[in-house]
mmCIF file of all heavy atoms, coordinates in Angstrom:
data_MODEL
# 
_entry.id   MODEL 
# 
loop_
_atom_site.group_PDB 
_atom_site.id 
_atom_site.type_symbol 
_atom_site.label_atom_id 
_atom_site.label_alt_id 
_atom_site.label_comp_id 
_atom_site.label_asym_id 
_atom_site.label_entity_id 
_atom_site.label_seq_id 
_atom_site.pdbx_PDB_ins_code 
_atom_site.Cartn_x 
_atom_site.Cartn_y 
_atom_site.Cartn_z 
_atom_site.occupancy 
_atom_site.B_iso_or_equiv 
_atom_site.pdbx_formal_charge 
_atom_site.auth_seq_id 
_atom_site.auth_comp_id 
_atom_site.auth_asym_id 
_atom_site.auth_atom_id 
_atom_site.pdbx_PDB_model_num 
ATOM 1   N N   . TYR A 1 1  ? 7.889   15.670  2.860  1.00 0.00 ? 1  TYR A N   1 
ATOM 2   C CA  . TYR A 1 1  ? 6.676   14.964  2.443  1.00 0.00 ? 1  TYR A CA  1 
ATOM 3   C C   . TYR A 1 1  ? 6.957   14.042  1.264  1.00 0.00 ? 1  TYR A C   1 
ATOM 4   O O   . TYR A 1 1  ? 6.391   12.936  1.190  1.00 0.00 ? 1  TYR A O   1 
ATOM 5   C CB  . TYR A 1 1  ? 5.579   15.970  2.100  1.00 0.00 ? 1  TYR A CB  1 
ATOM 6   C CG  . TYR A 1 1  ? 4.874   16.508  3.323  1.00 0.00 ? 1  TYR A CG  1 
ATOM 7   C CD1 . TYR A 1 1  ? 5.486   17.437  4.166  1.00 0.00 ? 1  TYR A CD1 1 
ATOM 8   C CD2 . TYR A 1 1  ? 3.602   16.073  3.661  1.00 0.00 ? 1  TYR A CD2 1 
ATOM 9   C CE1 . TYR A 1 1  ? 4.847   17.922  5.295  1.00 0.00 ? 1  TYR A CE1 1 
ATOM 10  C CE2 . TYR A 1 1  ? 2.948   16.548  4.794  1.00 0.00 ? 1  TYR A CE2 1 
ATOM 11  C CZ  . TYR A 1 1  ? 3.583   17.473  5.606  1.00 0.00 ? 1  TYR A CZ  1 
ATOM 12  O OH  . TYR A 1 1  ? 2.951   17.939  6.734  1.00 0.00 ? 1  TYR A OH  1 
ATOM 13  N N   . LEU A 1 2  ? 7.804   14.450  0.356  1.00 0.00 ? 2  LEU A N   1 
ATOM 14  C CA  . LEU A 1 2  ? 8.165   13.580  -0.757 1.00 0.00 ? 2  LEU A CA  1 
ATOM 15  C C   . LEU A 1 2  ? 8.912   12.348  -0.257 1.00 0.00 ? 2  LEU A C   1 
ATOM 16  O O   . LEU A 1 2  ? 8.680   11.226  -0.735 1.00 0.00 ? 2  LEU A O   1 
ATOM 17  C CB  . LEU A 1 2  ? 9.033   14.354  -1.762 1.00 0.00 ? 2  LEU A CB  1 
ATOM 18  C CG  . LEU A 1 2  ? 9.505   13.567  -2.990 1.00 0.00 ? 2  LEU A CG  1 
ATOM 19  C CD1 . LEU A 1 2  ? 8.317   13.085  -3.804 1.00 0.00 ? 2  LEU A CD1 1 
ATOM 20  C CD2 . LEU A 1 2  ? 10.429  14.420  -3.859 1.00 0.00 ? 2  LEU A CD2 1 
ATOM 21  N N   . ASN A 1 3  ? 9.779   12.547  0.724  1.00 0.00 ? 3  ASN A N   1 
ATOM 22  C CA  . ASN A 1 3  ? 10.509  11.427  1.313  1.00 0.00 ? 3  ASN A CA  1 
ATOM 23  C C   . ASN A 1 3  ? 9.553   10.433  1.972  1.00 0.00 ? 3  ASN A C   1 
ATOM 24  O O   . ASN A 1 3  ? 9.717   9.209   1.860  1.00 0.00 ? 3  ASN A O   1 
ATOM 25  C CB  . ASN A 1 3  ? 11.508  11.966  2.340  1.00 0.00 ? 3  ASN A CB  1 
ATOM 26  C CG  . ASN A 1 3  ? 12.417  10.893  2.895  1.00 0.00 ? 3  ASN A CG  1 
ATOM 27  O OD1 . ASN A 1 3  ? 13.114  10.210  2.158  1.00 0.00 ? 3  ASN A OD1 1 
ATOM 28  N ND2 . ASN A 1 3  ? 12.430  10.746  4.219  1.00 0.00 ? 3  ASN A ND2 1 
ATOM 29  N N   . VAL A 1 4  ? 8.523   10.944  2.644  1.00 0.00 ? 4  VAL A N   1 
ATOM 30  C CA  . VAL A 1 4  ? 7.525   10.084  3.283  1.00 0.00 ? 4  VAL A CA  1 
ATOM 31  C C   . VAL A 1 4  ? 6.783   9.256   2.240  1.00 0.00 ? 4  VAL A C   1 
ATOM 32  O O   . VAL A 1 4  ? 6.568   8.045   2.413  1.00 0.00 ? 4  VAL A O   1 
ATOM 33  C CB  . VAL A 1 4  ? 6.535   10.944  4.100  1.00 0.00 ? 4  VAL A CB  1 
ATOM 34  C CG1 . VAL A 1 4  ? 5.309   10.132  4.488  1.00 0.00 ? 4  VAL A CG1 1 
ATOM 35  C CG2 . VAL A 1 4  ? 7.205   11.492  5.350  1.00 0.00 ? 4  VAL A CG2 1 
ATOM 36  N N   . MET A 1 5  ? 6.398   9.882   1.145  1.00 0.00 ? 5  MET A N   1 
ATOM 37  C CA  . MET A 1 5  ? 5.655   9.178   0.099  1.00 0.00 ? 5  MET A CA  1 
ATOM 38  C C   . MET A 1 5  ? 6.504   8.089   -0.552 1.00 0.00 ? 5  MET A C   1 
ATOM 39  O O   . MET A 1 5  ? 6.030   6.973   -0.801 1.00 0.00 ? 5  MET A O   1 
ATOM 40  C CB  . MET A 1 5  ? 5.168   10.180  -0.947 1.00 0.00 ? 5  MET A CB  1 
ATOM 41  C CG  . MET A 1 5  ? 4.165   11.184  -0.414 1.00 0.00 ? 5  MET A CG  1 
ATOM 42  S SD  . MET A 1 5  ? 3.821   12.518  -1.590 1.00 0.00 ? 5  MET A SD  1 
ATOM 43  C CE  . MET A 1 5  ? 2.965   11.623  -2.875 1.00 0.00 ? 5  MET A CE  1 
ATOM 44  N N   . VAL A 1 6  ? 7.769   8.413   -0.827 1.00 0.00 ? 6  VAL A N   1 
ATOM 45  C CA  . VAL A 1 6  ? 8.647   7.455   -1.502 1.00 0.00 ? 6  VAL A CA  1 
ATOM 46  C C   . VAL A 1 6  ? 8.878   6.225   -0.639 1.00 0.00 ? 6  VAL A C   1 
ATOM 47  O O   . VAL A 1 6  ? 8.935   5.091   -1.142 1.00 0.00 ? 6  VAL A O   1 
ATOM 48  C CB  . VAL A 1 6  ? 9.988   8.135   -1.864 1.00 0.00 ? 6  VAL A CB  1 
ATOM 49  C CG1 . VAL A 1 6  ? 11.018  7.107   -2.313 1.00 0.00 ? 6  VAL A CG1 1 
ATOM 50  C CG2 . VAL A 1 6  ? 9.772   9.172   -2.956 1.00 0.00 ? 6  VAL A CG2 1 
ATOM 51  N N   . LEU A 1 7  ? 8.976   6.415   0.672  1.00 0.00 ? 7  LEU A N   1 
ATOM 52  C CA  . LEU A 1 7  ? 9.326   5.315   1.562  1.00 0.00 ? 7  LEU A CA  1 
ATOM 53  C C   . LEU A 1 7  ? 8.130   4.520   2.080  1.00 0.00 ? 7  LEU A C   1 
ATOM 54  O O   . LEU A 1 7  ? 8.309   3.456   2.670  1.00 0.00 ? 7  LEU A O   1 
ATOM 55  C CB  . LEU A 1 7  ? 10.126  5.852   2.757  1.00 0.00 ? 7  LEU A CB  1 
ATOM 56  C CG  . LEU A 1 7  ? 11.520  6.405   2.432  1.00 0.00 ? 7  LEU A CG  1 
ATOM 57  C CD1 . LEU A 1 7  ? 12.156  7.001   3.680  1.00 0.00 ? 7  LEU A CD1 1 
ATOM 58  C CD2 . LEU A 1 7  ? 12.413  5.314   1.863  1.00 0.00 ? 7  LEU A CD2 1 
ATOM 59  N N   . SER A 1 8  ? 6.901   5.020   1.874  1.00 0.00 ? 8  SER A N   1 
ATOM 60  C CA  . SER A 1 8  ? 5.742   4.345   2.475  1.00 0.00 ? 8  SER A CA  1 
ATOM 61  C C   . SER A 1 8  ? 4.789   3.710   1.472  1.00 0.00 ? 8  SER A C   1 
ATOM 62  O O   . SER A 1 8  ? 3.923   2.926   1.875  1.00 0.00 ? 8  SER A O   1 
ATOM 63  C CB  . SER A 1 8  ? 4.954   5.333   3.354  1.00 0.00 ? 8  SER A CB  1 
ATOM 64  O OG  . SER A 1 8  ? 4.459   6.409   2.575  1.00 0.00 ? 8  SER A OG  1 
ATOM 65  N N   . TRP A 1 9  ? 4.919   3.991   0.182  1.00 0.00 ? 9  TRP A N   1 
ATOM 66  C CA  . TRP A 1 9  ? 3.926   3.493   -0.765 1.00 0.00 ? 9  TRP A CA  1 
ATOM 67  C C   . TRP A 1 9  ? 3.987   1.973   -0.923 1.00 0.00 ? 9  TRP A C   1 
ATOM 68  O O   . TRP A 1 9  ? 2.964   1.335   -1.182 1.00 0.00 ? 9  TRP A O   1 
ATOM 69  C CB  . TRP A 1 9  ? 4.103   4.172   -2.123 1.00 0.00 ? 9  TRP A CB  1 
ATOM 70  C CG  . TRP A 1 9  ? 5.352   3.818   -2.884 1.00 0.00 ? 9  TRP A CG  1 
ATOM 71  C CD1 . TRP A 1 9  ? 6.552   4.443   -2.787 1.00 0.00 ? 9  TRP A CD1 1 
ATOM 72  C CD2 . TRP A 1 9  ? 5.519   2.772   -3.852 1.00 0.00 ? 9  TRP A CD2 1 
ATOM 73  N NE1 . TRP A 1 9  ? 7.464   3.853   -3.619 1.00 0.00 ? 9  TRP A NE1 1 
ATOM 74  C CE2 . TRP A 1 9  ? 6.851   2.825   -4.296 1.00 0.00 ? 9  TRP A CE2 1 
ATOM 75  C CE3 . TRP A 1 9  ? 4.677   1.809   -4.377 1.00 0.00 ? 9  TRP A CE3 1 
ATOM 76  C CZ2 . TRP A 1 9  ? 7.367   1.934   -5.240 1.00 0.00 ? 9  TRP A CZ2 1 
ATOM 77  C CZ3 . TRP A 1 9  ? 5.184   0.919   -5.314 1.00 0.00 ? 9  TRP A CZ3 1 
ATOM 78  C CH2 . TRP A 1 9  ? 6.505   0.984   -5.746 1.00 0.00 ? 9  TRP A CH2 1 
ATOM 79  N N   . LYS A 1 10 ? 5.152   1.384   -0.745 1.00 0.00 ? 10 LYS A N   1 
ATOM 80  C CA  . LYS A 1 10 ? 5.257   -0.065  -0.931 1.00 0.00 ? 10 LYS A CA  1 
ATOM 81  C C   . LYS A 1 10 ? 4.493   -0.833  0.145  1.00 0.00 ? 10 LYS A C   1 
ATOM 82  O O   . LYS A 1 10 ? 3.819   -1.831  -0.146 1.00 0.00 ? 10 LYS A O   1 
ATOM 83  C CB  . LYS A 1 10 ? 6.733   -0.489  -0.938 1.00 0.00 ? 10 LYS A CB  1 
ATOM 84  C CG  . LYS A 1 10 ? 7.488   -0.089  -2.192 1.00 0.00 ? 10 LYS A CG  1 
ATOM 85  C CD  . LYS A 1 10 ? 8.897   -0.662  -2.184 1.00 0.00 ? 10 LYS A CD  1 
ATOM 86  C CE  . LYS A 1 10 ? 9.630   -0.321  -3.472 1.00 0.00 ? 10 LYS A CE  1 
ATOM 87  N NZ  . LYS A 1 10 ? 11.002  -0.884  -3.500 1.00 0.00 ? 10 LYS A NZ  1 
ATOM 88  N N   . SER A 1 11 ? 4.592   -0.394  1.388  1.00 0.00 ? 11 SER A N   1 
ATOM 89  C CA  . SER A 1 11 ? 3.866   -1.093  2.452  1.00 0.00 ? 11 SER A CA  1 
ATOM 90  C C   . SER A 1 11 ? 2.363   -0.931  2.277  1.00 0.00 ? 11 SER A C   1 
ATOM 91  O O   . SER A 1 11 ? 1.587   -1.846  2.584  1.00 0.00 ? 11 SER A O   1 
ATOM 92  C CB  . SER A 1 11 ? 4.312   -0.591  3.827  1.00 0.00 ? 11 SER A CB  1 
ATOM 93  O OG  . SER A 1 11 ? 4.118   0.801   3.943  1.00 0.00 ? 11 SER A OG  1 
ATOM 94  N N   . ALA A 1 12 ? 1.928   0.233   1.757  1.00 0.00 ? 12 ALA A N   1 
ATOM 95  C CA  . ALA A 1 12 ? 0.500   0.424   1.484  1.00 0.00 ? 12 ALA A CA  1 
ATOM 96  C C   . ALA A 1 12 ? 0.027   -0.518  0.380  1.00 0.00 ? 12 ALA A C   1 
ATOM 97  O O   . ALA A 1 12 ? -1.094  -1.030  0.415  1.00 0.00 ? 12 ALA A O   1 
ATOM 98  C CB  . ALA A 1 12 ? 0.227   1.875   1.097  1.00 0.00 ? 12 ALA A CB  1 
ATOM 99  N N   . LEU A 1 13 ? 0.889   -0.778  -0.610 1.00 0.00 ? 13 LEU A N   1 
ATOM 100 C CA  . LEU A 1 13 ? 0.541   -1.726  -1.675 1.00 0.00 ? 13 LEU A CA  1 
ATOM 101 C C   . LEU A 1 13 ? 0.311   -3.125  -1.122 1.00 0.00 ? 13 LEU A C   1 
ATOM 102 O O   . LEU A 1 13 ? -0.595  -3.842  -1.559 1.00 0.00 ? 13 LEU A O   1 
ATOM 103 C CB  . LEU A 1 13 ? 1.655   -1.773  -2.724 1.00 0.00 ? 13 LEU A CB  1 
ATOM 104 C CG  . LEU A 1 13 ? 1.642   -0.741  -3.851 1.00 0.00 ? 13 LEU A CG  1 
ATOM 105 C CD1 . LEU A 1 13 ? 2.770   -1.038  -4.824 1.00 0.00 ? 13 LEU A CD1 1 
ATOM 106 C CD2 . LEU A 1 13 ? 0.321   -0.729  -4.583 1.00 0.00 ? 13 LEU A CD2 1 
ATOM 107 N N   . CYS A 1 14 ? 1.125   -3.526  -0.169 1.00 0.00 ? 14 CYS A N   1 
ATOM 108 C CA  . CYS A 1 14 ? 0.986   -4.866  0.418  1.00 0.00 ? 14 CYS A CA  1 
ATOM 109 C C   . CYS A 1 14 ? -0.369  -5.021  1.097  1.00 0.00 ? 14 CYS A C   1 
ATOM 110 O O   . CYS A 1 14 ? -1.057  -6.048  0.936  1.00 0.00 ? 14 CYS A O   1 
ATOM 111 C CB  . CYS A 1 14 ? 2.115   -5.120  1.421  1.00 0.00 ? 14 CYS A CB  1 
ATOM 112 S SG  . CYS A 1 14 ? 3.768   -5.156  0.693  1.00 0.00 ? 14 CYS A SG  1 
ATOM 113 N N   . ILE A 1 15 ? -0.788  -4.003  1.848  1.00 0.00 ? 15 ILE A N   1 
ATOM 114 C CA  . ILE A 1 15 ? -2.095  -4.060  2.497  1.00 0.00 ? 15 ILE A CA  1 
ATOM 115 C C   . ILE A 1 15 ? -3.201  -4.028  1.447  1.00 0.00 ? 15 ILE A C   1 
ATOM 116 O O   . ILE A 1 15 ? -4.209  -4.739  1.561  1.00 0.00 ? 15 ILE A O   1 
ATOM 117 C CB  . ILE A 1 15 ? -2.248  -2.891  3.489  1.00 0.00 ? 15 ILE A CB  1 
ATOM 118 C CG1 . ILE A 1 15 ? -1.171  -2.969  4.581  1.00 0.00 ? 15 ILE A CG1 1 
ATOM 119 C CG2 . ILE A 1 15 ? -3.629  -2.901  4.126  1.00 0.00 ? 15 ILE A CG2 1 
ATOM 120 C CD1 . ILE A 1 15 ? -1.208  -1.824  5.568  1.00 0.00 ? 15 ILE A CD1 1 
ATOM 121 N N   . GLY A 1 16 ? -3.013  -3.219  0.401  1.00 0.00 ? 16 GLY A N   1 
ATOM 122 C CA  . GLY A 1 16 ? -4.021  -3.118  -0.644 1.00 0.00 ? 16 GLY A CA  1 
ATOM 123 C C   . GLY A 1 16 ? -4.256  -4.421  -1.378 1.00 0.00 ? 16 GLY A C   1 
ATOM 124 O O   . GLY A 1 16 ? -5.393  -4.722  -1.780 1.00 0.00 ? 16 GLY A O   1 
ATOM 125 N N   . SER A 1 17 ? -3.215  -5.223  -1.554 1.00 0.00 ? 17 SER A N   1 
ATOM 126 C CA  . SER A 1 17 ? -3.390  -6.500  -2.255 1.00 0.00 ? 17 SER A CA  1 
ATOM 127 C C   . SER A 1 17 ? -4.306  -7.435  -1.480 1.00 0.00 ? 17 SER A C   1 
ATOM 128 O O   . SER A 1 17 ? -5.129  -8.148  -2.067 1.00 0.00 ? 17 SER A O   1 
ATOM 129 C CB  . SER A 1 17 ? -2.025  -7.161  -2.490 1.00 0.00 ? 17 SER A CB  1 
ATOM 130 O OG  . SER A 1 17 ? -1.417  -7.519  -1.256 1.00 0.00 ? 17 SER A OG  1 
ATOM 131 N N   . LEU A 1 18 ? -4.208  -7.424  -0.152 1.00 0.00 ? 18 LEU A N   1 
ATOM 132 C CA  . LEU A 1 18 ? -5.103  -8.254  0.662  1.00 0.00 ? 18 LEU A CA  1 
ATOM 133 C C   . LEU A 1 18 ? -6.515  -7.672  0.686  1.00 0.00 ? 18 LEU A C   1 
ATOM 134 O O   . LEU A 1 18 ? -7.500  -8.416  0.745  1.00 0.00 ? 18 LEU A O   1 
ATOM 135 C CB  . LEU A 1 18 ? -4.559  -8.373  2.077  1.00 0.00 ? 18 LEU A CB  1 
ATOM 136 C CG  . LEU A 1 18 ? -3.275  -9.211  2.199  1.00 0.00 ? 18 LEU A CG  1 
ATOM 137 C CD1 . LEU A 1 18 ? -2.677  -9.072  3.574  1.00 0.00 ? 18 LEU A CD1 1 
ATOM 138 C CD2 . LEU A 1 18 ? -3.559  -10.672 1.899  1.00 0.00 ? 18 LEU A CD2 1 
ATOM 139 N N   . ALA A 1 19 ? -6.614  -6.332  0.627  1.00 0.00 ? 19 ALA A N   1 
ATOM 140 C CA  . ALA A 1 19 ? -7.933  -5.714  0.526  1.00 0.00 ? 19 ALA A CA  1 
ATOM 141 C C   . ALA A 1 19 ? -8.619  -6.121  -0.772 1.00 0.00 ? 19 ALA A C   1 
ATOM 142 O O   . ALA A 1 19 ? -9.831  -6.373  -0.805 1.00 0.00 ? 19 ALA A O   1 
ATOM 143 C CB  . ALA A 1 19 ? -7.808  -4.191  0.604  1.00 0.00 ? 19 ALA A CB  1 
ATOM 144 N N   . PHE A 1 20 ? -7.864  -6.198  -1.854 1.00 0.00 ? 20 PHE A N   1 
ATOM 145 C CA  . PHE A 1 20 ? -8.402  -6.654  -3.136 1.00 0.00 ? 20 PHE A CA  1 
ATOM 146 C C   . PHE A 1 20 ? -8.935  -8.077  -3.006 1.00 0.00 ? 20 PHE A C   1 
ATOM 147 O O   . PHE A 1 20 ? -10.034 -8.392  -3.475 1.00 0.00 ? 20 PHE A O   1 
ATOM 148 C CB  . PHE A 1 20 ? -7.307  -6.594  -4.202 1.00 0.00 ? 20 PHE A CB  1 
ATOM 149 C CG  . PHE A 1 20 ? -7.713  -7.128  -5.552 1.00 0.00 ? 20 PHE A CG  1 
ATOM 150 C CD1 . PHE A 1 20 ? -8.253  -6.291  -6.506 1.00 0.00 ? 20 PHE A CD1 1 
ATOM 151 C CD2 . PHE A 1 20 ? -7.555  -8.469  -5.862 1.00 0.00 ? 20 PHE A CD2 1 
ATOM 152 C CE1 . PHE A 1 20 ? -8.635  -6.770  -7.749 1.00 0.00 ? 20 PHE A CE1 1 
ATOM 153 C CE2 . PHE A 1 20 ? -7.934  -8.974  -7.095 1.00 0.00 ? 20 PHE A CE2 1 
ATOM 154 C CZ  . PHE A 1 20 ? -8.477  -8.115  -8.042 1.00 0.00 ? 20 PHE A CZ  1 
ATOM 155 N N   . LEU A 1 21 ? -8.175  -8.943  -2.345 1.00 0.00 ? 21 LEU A N   1 
ATOM 156 C CA  . LEU A 1 21 ? -8.554  -10.350 -2.227 1.00 0.00 ? 21 LEU A CA  1 
ATOM 157 C C   . LEU A 1 21 ? -9.853  -10.517 -1.452 1.00 0.00 ? 21 LEU A C   1 
ATOM 158 O O   . LEU A 1 21 ? -10.802 -11.162 -1.925 1.00 0.00 ? 21 LEU A O   1 
ATOM 159 C CB  . LEU A 1 21 ? -7.432  -11.139 -1.556 1.00 0.00 ? 21 LEU A CB  1 
ATOM 160 C CG  . LEU A 1 21 ? -7.766  -12.585 -1.164 1.00 0.00 ? 21 LEU A CG  1 
ATOM 161 C CD1 . LEU A 1 21 ? -8.115  -13.402 -2.391 1.00 0.00 ? 21 LEU A CD1 1 
ATOM 162 C CD2 . LEU A 1 21 ? -6.625  -13.205 -0.391 1.00 0.00 ? 21 LEU A CD2 1 
ATOM 163 N N   . TYR A 1 22 ? -9.940  -9.926  -0.246 1.00 0.00 ? 22 TYR A N   1 
ATOM 164 C CA  . TYR A 1 22 ? -11.138 -10.159 0.554  1.00 0.00 ? 22 TYR A CA  1 
ATOM 165 C C   . TYR A 1 22 ? -12.355 -9.459  -0.057 1.00 0.00 ? 22 TYR A C   1 
ATOM 166 O O   . TYR A 1 22 ? -13.498 -9.912  0.093  1.00 0.00 ? 22 TYR A O   1 
ATOM 167 C CB  . TYR A 1 22 ? -10.926 -9.761  2.015  1.00 0.00 ? 22 TYR A CB  1 
ATOM 168 C CG  . TYR A 1 22 ? -11.168 -8.316  2.356  1.00 0.00 ? 22 TYR A CG  1 
ATOM 169 C CD1 . TYR A 1 22 ? -12.454 -7.805  2.471  1.00 0.00 ? 22 TYR A CD1 1 
ATOM 170 C CD2 . TYR A 1 22 ? -10.110 -7.454  2.607  1.00 0.00 ? 22 TYR A CD2 1 
ATOM 171 C CE1 . TYR A 1 22 ? -12.679 -6.479  2.802  1.00 0.00 ? 22 TYR A CE1 1 
ATOM 172 C CE2 . TYR A 1 22 ? -10.318 -6.133  2.936  1.00 0.00 ? 22 TYR A CE2 1 
ATOM 173 C CZ  . TYR A 1 22 ? -11.610 -5.649  3.030  1.00 0.00 ? 22 TYR A CZ  1 
ATOM 174 O OH  . TYR A 1 22 ? -11.821 -4.344  3.350  1.00 0.00 ? 22 TYR A OH  1 
ATOM 175 N N   . THR A 1 23 ? -12.136 -8.355  -0.780 1.00 0.00 ? 23 THR A N   1 
ATOM 176 C CA  . THR A 1 23 ? -13.247 -7.680  -1.442 1.00 0.00 ? 23 THR A CA  1 
ATOM 177 C C   . THR A 1 23 ? -13.834 -8.543  -2.550 1.00 0.00 ? 23 THR A C   1 
ATOM 178 O O   . THR A 1 23 ? -15.056 -8.673  -2.688 1.00 0.00 ? 23 THR A O   1 
ATOM 179 C CB  . THR A 1 23 ? -12.783 -6.337  -2.026 1.00 0.00 ? 23 THR A CB  1 
ATOM 180 O OG1 . THR A 1 23 ? -12.295 -5.501  -0.971 1.00 0.00 ? 23 THR A OG1 1 
ATOM 181 C CG2 . THR A 1 23 ? -13.932 -5.623  -2.720 1.00 0.00 ? 23 THR A CG2 1 
ATOM 182 N N   . VAL A 1 24 ? -12.972 -9.152  -3.352 1.00 0.00 ? 24 VAL A N   1 
ATOM 183 C CA  . VAL A 1 24 ? -13.440 -10.027 -4.433 1.00 0.00 ? 24 VAL A CA  1 
ATOM 184 C C   . VAL A 1 24 ? -14.166 -11.237 -3.854 1.00 0.00 ? 24 VAL A C   1 
ATOM 185 O O   . VAL A 1 24 ? -15.241 -11.628 -4.336 1.00 0.00 ? 24 VAL A O   1 
ATOM 186 C CB  . VAL A 1 24 ? -12.257 -10.463 -5.317 1.00 0.00 ? 24 VAL A CB  1 
ATOM 187 C CG1 . VAL A 1 24 ? -12.687 -11.548 -6.296 1.00 0.00 ? 24 VAL A CG1 1 
ATOM 188 C CG2 . VAL A 1 24 ? -11.693 -9.279  -6.079 1.00 0.00 ? 24 VAL A CG2 1 
# 
């Protein structure tokens, strides 16, 4: 589970940045 978190958080950040944009 730690390996999954370490390897997947960056791609989630990329999606989150676009979520921030359209929300604003």
